[in-house]
Amino acid sequence: MSKVIAVASQKGGTAKSTTCRNVATILKYMGYKVLVVDCDNQANLTDCFGIESPDKLDVTLYHLMERIIMDEDLPEKEEYIINREGVDVLPASILLSDIEIKLVSAMSREYILKAIIDEIKEDYDYVLLDAMPSLGLMTLNVLASCDSVLIPATPEYLSAKGLELLLKTIFKIKKRINKKIDFEGILLTMFDERTNLAQEMLEMIEASYGEHIKVFRTKIPKSVKVGEANARSKSIIDYMPTNKAAIAYERFTRELLKKEVMSFE
């Protein structure tokens, strides 16, 4: 049975796409069949997988959503799924910027993406949706399509405050649009345990939300090697498996799946 997890954050710069990229790769190494869907018009996740010039692709997520809006059949899966290092990718491009306008007048506009995900999700153990850092109609579609939400957050005041609006939105969606949606939890990224600010923000997040939403024990530390890996279109696991962020992402994925820690060295 497939599980669809949205990786969502109202604020940009929380390592949302990086988290999608690395968790997908680790799940693949664990033996799971994984699909990632880039739902952000910035196409950062698409870029992380080394898919160049996505605006020149014949079929991206934008084209699929446009077909659903126009009540047209989807093309064959092989026309829009790109495999990279054992992970299937449904890419995005800058064209996705136009979808918000088209969604405004679309019938059942909250469920356009869901129609696509429902068509293909049973081919996978896990589907990861990389949401855009906003609370617009596209993110609403992501939250209507998923089983659960993983929320990356940085140990900064504005990031911590931004959680409140996102959580309120998710609770509204659970009540009105997607009753089965649940929280995976809050993942602290770019975490420097040596700073007082990081510890203060961790305490603030745990005090404000920890009673109702899991705050993962694993924190993803800051590391320049993560940026280097992204620039080379590699996961940190493949680029430098002994790096502290690589080890943390592996531990986090195990915690997410409630499994024992293993190494990919």
C-alpha atoms as a PDB file:
ATOM      1  CA  MET A   1       0.000   0.000   0.000  1.00  0.00           C
ATOM      2  CA  SER A   2       1.410   3.370  -1.026  1.00  0.00           C
ATOM      3  CA  LYS A   3       1.953   6.257   1.375  1.00  0.00           C
ATOM      4  CA  VAL A   4       1.918   9.852   0.127  1.00  0.00           C
ATOM      5  CA  ILE A   5       3.905  12.302   2.250  1.00  0.00           C
ATOM      6  CA  ALA A   6       3.866  16.047   1.615  1.00  0.00           C
ATOM      7  CA  VAL A   7       7.016  17.934   2.585  1.00  0.00           C
ATOM      8  CA  ALA A   8       5.669  21.400   3.283  1.00  0.00           C
ATOM      9  CA  SER A   9       6.794  24.665   4.830  1.00  0.00           C
ATOM     10  CA  GLN A  10       5.270  28.099   4.611  1.00  0.00           C
ATOM     11  CA  LYS A  11       8.745  29.626   4.705  1.00  0.00           C
ATOM     12  CA  GLY A  12      11.447  29.157   2.075  1.00  0.00           C
ATOM     13  CA  GLY A  13      14.993  28.135   2.924  1.00  0.00           C
ATOM     14  CA  THR A  14      14.104  25.292   5.293  1.00  0.00           C
ATOM     15  CA  ALA A  15      15.848  22.539   3.246  1.00  0.00           C
ATOM     16  CA  LYS A  16      12.508  21.232   2.031  1.00  0.00           C
ATOM     17  CA  SER A  17      13.737  20.087  -1.395  1.00  0.00           C
ATOM     18  CA  THR A  18      17.009  18.840   0.067  1.00  0.00           C
ATOM     19  CA  THR A  19      15.052  16.753   2.567  1.00  0.00           C
ATOM     20  CA  CYS A  20      12.897  15.295  -0.225  1.00  0.00           C
ATOM     21  CA  ARG A  21      15.992  14.495  -2.259  1.00  0.00           C
ATOM     22  CA  ASN A  22      17.847  12.721   0.510  1.00  0.00           C
ATOM     23  CA  VAL A  23      14.947  10.889   2.121  1.00  0.00           C
ATOM     24  CA  ALA A  24      13.907   9.569  -1.306  1.00  0.00           C
ATOM     25  CA  THR A  25      17.420   8.270  -1.955  1.00  0.00           C
ATOM     26  CA  ILE A  26      17.663   6.623   1.463  1.00  0.00           C
ATOM     27  CA  LEU A  27      14.260   4.980   0.999  1.00  0.00           C
ATOM     28  CA  LYS A  28      15.509   3.660  -2.330  1.00  0.00           C
ATOM     29  CA  TYR A  29      18.569   2.161  -0.626  1.00  0.00           C
ATOM     30  CA  MET A  30      16.243   0.539   1.890  1.00  0.00           C
ATOM     31  CA  GLY A  31      14.588  -1.269  -0.993  1.00  0.00           C
ATOM     32  CA  TYR A  32      11.449   0.825  -1.395  1.00  0.00           C
ATOM     33  CA  LYS A  33      10.047   2.008  -4.719  1.00  0.00           C
ATOM     34  CA  VAL A  34       9.893   5.804  -4.505  1.00  0.00           C
ATOM     35  CA  LEU A  35       8.381   8.634  -6.539  1.00  0.00           C
ATOM     36  CA  VAL A  36       9.118  12.296  -5.873  1.00  0.00           C
ATOM     37  CA  VAL A  37       6.824  14.976  -7.284  1.00  0.00           C
ATOM     38  CA  ASP A  38       8.153  18.513  -7.636  1.00  0.00           C
ATOM     39  CA  CYS A  39       5.188  20.768  -6.858  1.00  0.00           C
ATOM     40  CA  ASP A  40       7.210  23.993  -6.702  1.00  0.00           C
ATOM     41  CA  ASN A  41       7.570  26.306  -9.708  1.00  0.00           C
ATOM     42  CA  GLN A  42      11.171  26.998  -8.661  1.00  0.00           C
ATOM     43  CA  ALA A  43      11.873  23.353  -9.644  1.00  0.00           C
ATOM     44  CA  ASN A  44      14.613  22.989  -7.018  1.00  0.00           C
ATOM     45  CA  LEU A  45      13.886  19.305  -6.481  1.00  0.00           C
ATOM     46  CA  THR A  46      13.984  18.713 -10.243  1.00  0.00           C
ATOM     47  CA  ASP A  47      17.383  20.394 -10.308  1.00  0.00           C
ATOM     48  CA  CYS A  48      18.613  18.350  -7.328  1.00  0.00           C
ATOM     49  CA  PHE A  49      18.074  15.220  -9.417  1.00  0.00           C
ATOM     50  CA  GLY A  50      20.097  16.642 -12.315  1.00  0.00           C
ATOM     51  CA  ILE A  51      17.187  17.159 -14.701  1.00  0.00           C
ATOM     52  CA  GLU A  52      18.370  20.029 -16.874  1.00  0.00           C
ATOM     53  CA  SER A  53      16.214  22.620 -18.705  1.00  0.00           C
ATOM     54  CA  PRO A  54      12.882  21.330 -17.345  1.00  0.00           C
ATOM     55  CA  ASP A  55      11.079  24.150 -19.187  1.00  0.00           C
ATOM     56  CA  LYS A  56      12.000  22.333 -22.422  1.00  0.00           C
ATOM     57  CA  LEU A  57      10.468  19.013 -21.350  1.00  0.00           C
ATOM     58  CA  ASP A  58       7.385  17.941 -23.289  1.00  0.00           C
ATOM     59  CA  VAL A  59       5.497  16.898 -20.148  1.00  0.00           C
ATOM     60  CA  THR A  60       5.918  18.203 -16.591  1.00  0.00           C
ATOM     61  CA  LEU A  61       3.546  18.445 -13.643  1.00  0.00           C
ATOM     62  CA  TYR A  62       2.113  21.617 -15.158  1.00  0.00           C
ATOM     63  CA  HIS A  63       1.054  19.822 -18.338  1.00  0.00           C
ATOM     64  CA  LEU A  64      -0.553  16.994 -16.362  1.00  0.00           C
ATOM     65  CA  MET A  65      -2.553  19.385 -14.179  1.00  0.00           C
ATOM     66  CA  GLU A  66      -3.609  21.320 -17.256  1.00  0.00           C
ATOM     67  CA  ARG A  67      -4.930  18.103 -18.787  1.00  0.00           C
ATOM     68  CA  ILE A  68      -6.954  17.298 -15.670  1.00  0.00           C
ATOM     69  CA  ILE A  69      -8.401  20.831 -15.640  1.00  0.00           C
ATOM     70  CA  MET A  70      -9.359  20.417 -19.324  1.00  0.00           C
ATOM     71  CA  ASP A  71     -10.829  16.972 -18.569  1.00  0.00           C
ATOM     72  CA  GLU A  72      -8.327  15.254 -20.854  1.00  0.00           C
ATOM     73  CA  ASP A  73      -6.700  11.855 -20.355  1.00  0.00           C
ATOM     74  CA  LEU A  74      -3.202  11.700 -18.928  1.00  0.00           C
ATOM     75  CA  PRO A  75      -0.393  10.471 -21.200  1.00  0.00           C
ATOM     76  CA  GLU A  76       1.411   7.209 -20.571  1.00  0.00           C
ATOM     77  CA  LYS A  77       3.486   7.253 -17.399  1.00  0.00           C
ATOM     78  CA  GLU A  78       6.676   6.767 -19.409  1.00  0.00           C
ATOM     79  CA  GLU A  79       6.120  10.157 -21.034  1.00  0.00           C
ATOM     80  CA  TYR A  80       6.497  12.137 -17.824  1.00  0.00           C
ATOM     81  CA  ILE A  81       8.321  10.039 -15.220  1.00  0.00           C
ATOM     82  CA  ILE A  82      12.116  10.362 -15.253  1.00  0.00           C
ATOM     83  CA  ASN A  83      14.234   7.851 -13.340  1.00  0.00           C
ATOM     84  CA  ARG A  84      17.326   9.166 -11.593  1.00  0.00           C
ATOM     85  CA  GLU A  85      19.540   6.775  -9.609  1.00  0.00           C
ATOM     86  CA  GLY A  86      16.645   4.436  -8.885  1.00  0.00           C
ATOM     87  CA  VAL A  87      14.209   7.176  -7.831  1.00  0.00           C
ATOM     88  CA  ASP A  88      11.324   8.157 -10.115  1.00  0.00           C
ATOM     89  CA  VAL A  89      10.845  11.915 -10.562  1.00  0.00           C
ATOM     90  CA  LEU A  90       7.825  13.851 -11.799  1.00  0.00           C
ATOM     91  CA  PRO A  91       9.515  17.166 -12.656  1.00  0.00           C
ATOM     92  CA  ALA A  92       8.313  20.749 -12.442  1.00  0.00           C
ATOM     93  CA  SER A  93       9.286  23.845 -14.392  1.00  0.00           C
ATOM     94  CA  ILE A  94       8.675  27.589 -14.277  1.00  0.00           C
ATOM     95  CA  LEU A  95       5.469  26.911 -16.228  1.00  0.00           C
ATOM     96  CA  LEU A  96       3.937  25.769 -12.948  1.00  0.00           C
ATOM     97  CA  SER A  97       3.751  29.453 -12.014  1.00  0.00           C
ATOM     98  CA  ASP A  98       0.707  29.720 -14.280  1.00  0.00           C
ATOM     99  CA  ILE A  99      -1.239  26.903 -12.668  1.00  0.00           C
ATOM    100  CA  GLU A 100      -2.540  29.020  -9.770  1.00  0.00           C
ATOM    101  CA  ILE A 101      -4.460  31.228 -12.223  1.00  0.00           C
ATOM    102  CA  LYS A 102      -5.956  28.204 -13.979  1.00  0.00           C
ATOM    103  CA  LEU A 103      -6.918  26.588 -10.690  1.00  0.00           C
ATOM    104  CA  VAL A 104      -9.033  29.585  -9.665  1.00  0.00           C
ATOM    105  CA  SER A 105     -11.787  28.732 -12.150  1.00  0.00           C
ATOM    106  CA  ALA A 106     -11.271  24.961 -12.239  1.00  0.00           C
ATOM    107  CA  MET A 107     -14.005  22.601 -11.092  1.00  0.00           C
ATOM    108  CA  SER A 108     -13.015  20.759  -7.889  1.00  0.00           C
ATOM    109  CA  ARG A 109      -9.883  22.871  -7.927  1.00  0.00           C
ATOM    110  CA  GLU A 110      -8.512  21.433  -4.662  1.00  0.00           C
ATOM    111  CA  TYR A 111      -8.331  17.936  -6.151  1.00  0.00           C
ATOM    112  CA  ILE A 112      -6.580  18.471  -9.500  1.00  0.00           C
ATOM    113  CA  LEU A 113      -3.221  17.172  -8.258  1.00  0.00           C
ATOM    114  CA  LYS A 114      -4.921  14.346  -6.358  1.00  0.00           C
ATOM    115  CA  ALA A 115      -6.355  13.019  -9.630  1.00  0.00           C
ATOM    116  CA  ILE A 116      -2.794  12.638 -10.930  1.00  0.00           C
ATOM    117  CA  ILE A 117      -1.363  11.147  -7.738  1.00  0.00           C
ATOM    118  CA  ASP A 118      -4.222   8.643  -7.447  1.00  0.00           C
ATOM    119  CA  GLU A 119      -3.496   7.496 -10.999  1.00  0.00           C
ATOM    120  CA  ILE A 120       0.117   6.510 -10.266  1.00  0.00           C
ATOM    121  CA  LYS A 121       0.666   6.110  -6.526  1.00  0.00           C
ATOM    122  CA  GLU A 122      -0.051   2.378  -6.353  1.00  0.00           C
ATOM    123  CA  ASP A 123       3.133   1.742  -8.351  1.00  0.00           C
ATOM    124  CA  TYR A 124       5.158   3.000  -5.370  1.00  0.00           C
ATOM    125  CA  ASP A 125       5.747   2.345  -1.699  1.00  0.00           C
ATOM    126  CA  TYR A 126       6.321   6.041  -1.002  1.00  0.00           C
ATOM    127  CA  VAL A 127       5.387   9.210  -2.875  1.00  0.00           C
ATOM    128  CA  LEU A 128       7.018  12.427  -1.657  1.00  0.00           C
ATOM    129  CA  LEU A 129       5.420  15.737  -2.669  1.00  0.00           C
ATOM    130  CA  ASP A 130       7.703  18.765  -2.498  1.00  0.00           C
ATOM    131  CA  ALA A 131       5.325  21.685  -1.877  1.00  0.00           C
ATOM    132  CA  MET A 132       6.063  25.304  -2.711  1.00  0.00           C
ATOM    133  CA  PRO A 133       6.750  27.652   0.244  1.00  0.00           C
ATOM    134  CA  SER A 134       3.340  29.329   0.221  1.00  0.00           C
ATOM    135  CA  LEU A 135      -0.244  28.647   1.219  1.00  0.00           C
ATOM    136  CA  GLY A 136      -1.786  29.169  -2.218  1.00  0.00           C
ATOM    137  CA  LEU A 137      -3.945  26.876  -4.329  1.00  0.00           C
ATOM    138  CA  MET A 138      -1.017  24.715  -5.395  1.00  0.00           C
ATOM    139  CA  THR A 139      -0.074  23.948  -1.807  1.00  0.00           C
ATOM    140  CA  LEU A 140      -3.749  23.338  -1.073  1.00  0.00           C
ATOM    141  CA  ASN A 141      -3.684  20.720  -3.849  1.00  0.00           C
ATOM    142  CA  VAL A 142      -0.621  19.102  -2.286  1.00  0.00           C
ATOM    143  CA  LEU A 143      -2.265  18.902   1.133  1.00  0.00           C
ATOM    144  CA  ALA A 144      -5.465  17.512  -0.394  1.00  0.00           C
ATOM    145  CA  SER A 145      -3.439  14.759  -2.099  1.00  0.00           C
ATOM    146  CA  CYS A 146      -1.355  13.422   0.774  1.00  0.00           C
ATOM    147  CA  ASP A 147      -1.753  11.012   3.665  1.00  0.00           C
ATOM    148  CA  SER A 148       0.562  12.966   5.949  1.00  0.00           C
ATOM    149  CA  VAL A 149       2.726  16.072   6.206  1.00  0.00           C
ATOM    150  CA  LEU A 150       6.385  16.401   7.119  1.00  0.00           C
ATOM    151  CA  ILE A 151       7.317  19.952   8.123  1.00  0.00           C
ATOM    152  CA  PRO A 152      10.965  21.046   7.901  1.00  0.00           C
ATOM    153  CA  ALA A 153      11.804  24.119   9.975  1.00  0.00           C
ATOM    154  CA  THR A 154      15.016  25.955  10.748  1.00  0.00           C
ATOM    155  CA  PRO A 155      15.894  27.021  14.316  1.00  0.00           C
ATOM    156  CA  GLU A 156      15.117  30.669  13.599  1.00  0.00           C
ATOM    157  CA  TYR A 157      12.404  32.871  15.038  1.00  0.00           C
ATOM    158  CA  LEU A 158      10.572  33.571  11.754  1.00  0.00           C
ATOM    159  CA  SER A 159      10.649  29.925  10.753  1.00  0.00           C
ATOM    160  CA  ALA A 160       9.238  28.875  14.122  1.00  0.00           C
ATOM    161  CA  LYS A 161       6.520  31.549  13.970  1.00  0.00           C
ATOM    162  CA  GLY A 162       5.632  30.496  10.425  1.00  0.00           C
ATOM    163  CA  LEU A 163       4.661  27.067  11.685  1.00  0.00           C
ATOM    164  CA  GLU A 164       1.546  28.469  13.338  1.00  0.00           C
ATOM    165  CA  LEU A 165      -0.134  29.573  10.097  1.00  0.00           C
ATOM    166  CA  LEU A 166       0.796  26.370   8.285  1.00  0.00           C
ATOM    167  CA  LEU A 167      -0.580  24.207  11.069  1.00  0.00           C
ATOM    168  CA  LYS A 168      -3.832  26.185  11.169  1.00  0.00           C
ATOM    169  CA  THR A 169      -4.172  25.662   7.419  1.00  0.00           C
ATOM    170  CA  ILE A 170      -3.573  21.926   7.736  1.00  0.00           C
ATOM    171  CA  PHE A 171      -6.177  21.645  10.500  1.00  0.00           C
ATOM    172  CA  LYS A 172      -8.710  23.433   8.269  1.00  0.00           C
ATOM    173  CA  ILE A 173      -7.913  21.102   5.387  1.00  0.00           C
ATOM    174  CA  LYS A 174      -8.334  18.080   7.654  1.00  0.00           C
ATOM    175  CA  LYS A 175     -11.760  19.352   8.662  1.00  0.00           C
ATOM    176  CA  ARG A 176     -13.037  20.338   5.213  1.00  0.00           C
ATOM    177  CA  ILE A 177     -11.051  18.735   2.389  1.00  0.00           C
ATOM    178  CA  ASN A 178      -8.821  15.819   3.424  1.00  0.00           C
ATOM    179  CA  LYS A 179     -10.062  14.129   6.576  1.00  0.00           C
ATOM    180  CA  LYS A 180      -7.346  11.466   6.564  1.00  0.00           C
ATOM    181  CA  ILE A 181      -4.405  13.886   6.590  1.00  0.00           C
ATOM    182  CA  ASP A 182      -2.046  13.437   9.523  1.00  0.00           C
ATOM    183  CA  PHE A 183       1.246  14.867  10.743  1.00  0.00           C
ATOM    184  CA  GLU A 184       4.527  13.017  10.403  1.00  0.00           C
ATOM    185  CA  GLY A 185       6.120  15.699  12.531  1.00  0.00           C
ATOM    186  CA  ILE A 186       8.442  18.693  12.561  1.00  0.00           C
ATOM    187  CA  LEU A 187      12.035  18.208  11.400  1.00  0.00           C
ATOM    188  CA  LEU A 188      14.646  20.745  12.507  1.00  0.00           C
ATOM    189  CA  THR A 189      17.104  21.406   9.668  1.00  0.00           C
ATOM    190  CA  MET A 190      20.344  23.412   9.479  1.00  0.00           C
ATOM    191  CA  PHE A 191      20.588  22.887  13.217  1.00  0.00           C
ATOM    192  CA  ASP A 192      23.678  24.063  15.086  1.00  0.00           C
ATOM    193  CA  GLU A 193      23.386  22.673  18.600  1.00  0.00           C
ATOM    194  CA  ARG A 194      26.277  24.862  19.767  1.00  0.00           C
ATOM    195  CA  THR A 195      24.258  28.094  19.488  1.00  0.00           C
ATOM    196  CA  ASN A 196      21.906  29.422  22.126  1.00  0.00           C
ATOM    197  CA  LEU A 197      19.407  30.467  19.430  1.00  0.00           C
ATOM    198  CA  ALA A 198      19.078  26.926  18.111  1.00  0.00           C
ATOM    199  CA  GLN A 199      18.389  25.573  21.592  1.00  0.00           C
ATOM    200  CA  GLU A 200      15.935  28.381  22.356  1.00  0.00           C
ATOM    201  CA  MET A 201      13.991  27.783  19.116  1.00  0.00           C
ATOM    202  CA  LEU A 202      13.927  24.034  19.756  1.00  0.00           C
ATOM    203  CA  GLU A 203      12.478  24.648  23.206  1.00  0.00           C
ATOM    204  CA  MET A 204       9.953  27.114  21.760  1.00  0.00           C
ATOM    205  CA  ILE A 205       8.798  24.656  19.077  1.00  0.00           C
ATOM    206  CA  GLU A 206       8.541  21.772  21.533  1.00  0.00           C
ATOM    207  CA  ALA A 207       6.625  23.910  24.039  1.00  0.00           C
ATOM    208  CA  SER A 208       4.257  25.336  21.408  1.00  0.00           C
ATOM    209  CA  TYR A 209       3.574  22.246  19.296  1.00  0.00           C
ATOM    210  CA  GLY A 210       5.188  19.195  20.883  1.00  0.00           C
ATOM    211  CA  GLU A 211       2.081  18.176  22.810  1.00  0.00           C
ATOM    212  CA  HIS A 212       0.127  17.588  19.590  1.00  0.00           C
ATOM    213  CA  ILE A 213       2.767  17.082  16.880  1.00  0.00           C
ATOM    214  CA  LYS A 214       5.916  15.002  16.985  1.00  0.00           C
ATOM    215  CA  VAL A 215       9.168  16.946  16.953  1.00  0.00           C
ATOM    216  CA  PHE A 216      11.709  14.471  15.613  1.00  0.00           C
ATOM    217  CA  ARG A 217      14.616  13.592  17.884  1.00  0.00           C
ATOM    218  CA  THR A 218      16.954  13.662  14.899  1.00  0.00           C
ATOM    219  CA  LYS A 219      18.062  17.131  13.823  1.00  0.00           C
ATOM    220  CA  ILE A 220      19.743  17.800  10.471  1.00  0.00           C
ATOM    221  CA  PRO A 221      22.958  19.747  11.149  1.00  0.00           C
ATOM    222  CA  LYS A 222      24.371  22.554   9.045  1.00  0.00           C
ATOM    223  CA  SER A 223      26.918  21.362   6.506  1.00  0.00           C
ATOM    224  CA  VAL A 224      28.429  23.030   3.438  1.00  0.00           C
ATOM    225  CA  LYS A 225      28.731  19.549   1.925  1.00  0.00           C
ATOM    226  CA  VAL A 226      24.956  19.404   1.505  1.00  0.00           C
ATOM    227  CA  GLY A 227      25.105  22.451  -0.769  1.00  0.00           C
ATOM    228  CA  GLU A 228      28.010  20.913  -2.662  1.00  0.00           C
ATOM    229  CA  ALA A 229      26.014  17.715  -3.161  1.00  0.00           C
ATOM    230  CA  ASN A 230      22.999  19.658  -4.460  1.00  0.00           C
ATOM    231  CA  ALA A 231      25.224  21.584  -6.877  1.00  0.00           C
ATOM    232  CA  ARG A 232      26.477  18.267  -8.253  1.00  0.00           C
ATOM    233  CA  SER A 233      22.927  16.836  -8.437  1.00  0.00           C
ATOM    234  CA  LYS A 234      23.761  14.196  -5.862  1.00  0.00           C
ATOM    235  CA  SER A 235      22.294  13.176  -2.549  1.00  0.00           C
ATOM    236  CA  ILE A 236      24.527  13.797   0.441  1.00  0.00           C
ATOM    237  CA  ILE A 237      24.360  10.037   1.045  1.00  0.00           C
ATOM    238  CA  ASP A 238      26.069   9.383  -2.291  1.00  0.00           C
ATOM    239  CA  TYR A 239      28.307  12.445  -2.267  1.00  0.00           C
ATOM    240  CA  MET A 240      29.781  11.976   1.206  1.00  0.00           C
ATOM    241  CA  PRO A 241      28.163   9.173   3.234  1.00  0.00           C
ATOM    242  CA  THR A 242      30.331   9.858   6.319  1.00  0.00           C
ATOM    243  CA  ASN A 243      29.268  13.514   6.496  1.00  0.00           C
ATOM    244  CA  LYS A 244      27.311  14.467   9.621  1.00  0.00           C
ATOM    245  CA  ALA A 245      24.280  15.550   7.563  1.00  0.00           C
ATOM    246  CA  ALA A 246      24.302  12.268   5.620  1.00  0.00           C
ATOM    247  CA  ILE A 247      24.323  10.308   8.867  1.00  0.00           C
ATOM    248  CA  ALA A 248      21.555  12.529  10.277  1.00  0.00           C
ATOM    249  CA  TYR A 249      19.328  12.087   7.210  1.00  0.00           C
ATOM    250  CA  GLU A 250      19.768   8.330   7.421  1.00  0.00           C
ATOM    251  CA  ARG A 251      18.878   8.377  11.123  1.00  0.00           C
ATOM    252  CA  PHE A 252      15.925  10.654  10.462  1.00  0.00           C
ATOM    253  CA  THR A 253      14.548   8.382   7.742  1.00  0.00           C
ATOM    254  CA  ARG A 254      14.816   5.450  10.115  1.00  0.00           C
ATOM    255  CA  GLU A 255      13.004   7.472  12.765  1.00  0.00           C
ATOM    256  CA  LEU A 256      10.362   8.429  10.203  1.00  0.00           C
ATOM    257  CA  LEU A 257       9.830   4.766   9.389  1.00  0.00           C
ATOM    258  CA  LYS A 258      10.244   3.754  13.057  1.00  0.00           C
ATOM    259  CA  LYS A 259      13.116   1.408  12.173  1.00  0.00           C
ATOM    260  CA  GLU A 260      16.543   0.781  13.661  1.00  0.00           C
ATOM    261  CA  VAL A 261      19.488   2.813  12.412  1.00  0.00           C
ATOM    262  CA  MET A 262      21.664   1.324   9.683  1.00  0.00           C
ATOM    263  CA  SER A 263      24.614   2.703   7.725  1.00  0.00           C
ATOM    264  CA  PHE A 264      24.997   3.274   3.991  1.00  0.00           C
ATOM    265  CA  GLU A 265      28.763   3.633   4.056  1.00  0.00           C
END
